[in-house]
Amino acid sequence: MPTPPDPAVLYPDIAACGDLAAALRAQGDGCLDAVPLMSSDSAPLSHVAVESTLPHRKLLVISAWSYERGWSIRGEEAFQGMALVDGRTDDLAQIAGAARAWHDGVPLDGIRQVAPFAHLTGRFEVPDNDPARLTESEWQHLRKEAAELDTDWQETHHNLIEAAYAAPALRALYPFTSHWALRFSTSTRPALTLVGPILSAGSDGTYGVRGLMSQDGDRFATAQEAVAVAVRQLPSGLGPTTLGG
């Protein structure tokens, strides 16, 4: 891979301002004057972070692209460190709008209205860290992610996520994916407690079910068949999902 250009060459206007924070304030036309911005000591032209007034939000991290002009954002919730919003744009003024909205605690849908480039991950905010709500939030993220995939196996993966979500016994568990296989936990992040079988969608249109410690498993023609088997393999006596960590 070629060496990326010097940020001062790719972003001469940012260099002229001194750092990305100063350039962002200039683009914000006053809207960021009272907003704390934290420049990166090691890459001041490329990275800056924005604090939020909401304690359940982490910093909104803004990063400049390395090979072409543009910027990315990522805003996480505080307990699990999972993304609530991300996105990419070449319009620094929109970045400034998103930064102010994140800082002010504007609801996620409102951030999208202020900065149309912003992409909502499907997760919603759970200020009290209720584990049932965090579980539902993660399911909504996986469903949105599966619906938005741009791959030749999108349909089978989407079918698997939707079939698993439709099963109450699986929907009560905290879901996550590893190498696009669907897995379950009885606790939320950041400390997962693995339980039950692993579900997968094959590129051949079939669906797999295997145990936690197994490399092999059974294949099924439909997602519903695979999910039904997975439900039968769940251990008995599982209680409500708990907070991890």
Foldseek 3Di string as FASTA:
>chain_A
DDAFDDLCVQCVVCVVLPFPVSVLCVLQVNLCPPWDKAADPVHRNFWIWTAAPQQQKHIWIKGADRHHGKIKTFIATDPFRDTQKMFIDNRSSLVSQLRSCRRDVPAPVVNCVSRVRIDGQQAGDDSVVDFQNNQQSQLRNLLVCLVPDDDLQSVQLNQLSVLQCVDVVSSQFRWDDDVSKIFTALADPPAGHGWFWIWHADSVQWIFTDHPPDPDTDIGNGSNVNNVVRSVRTDPDRDGRYYGD
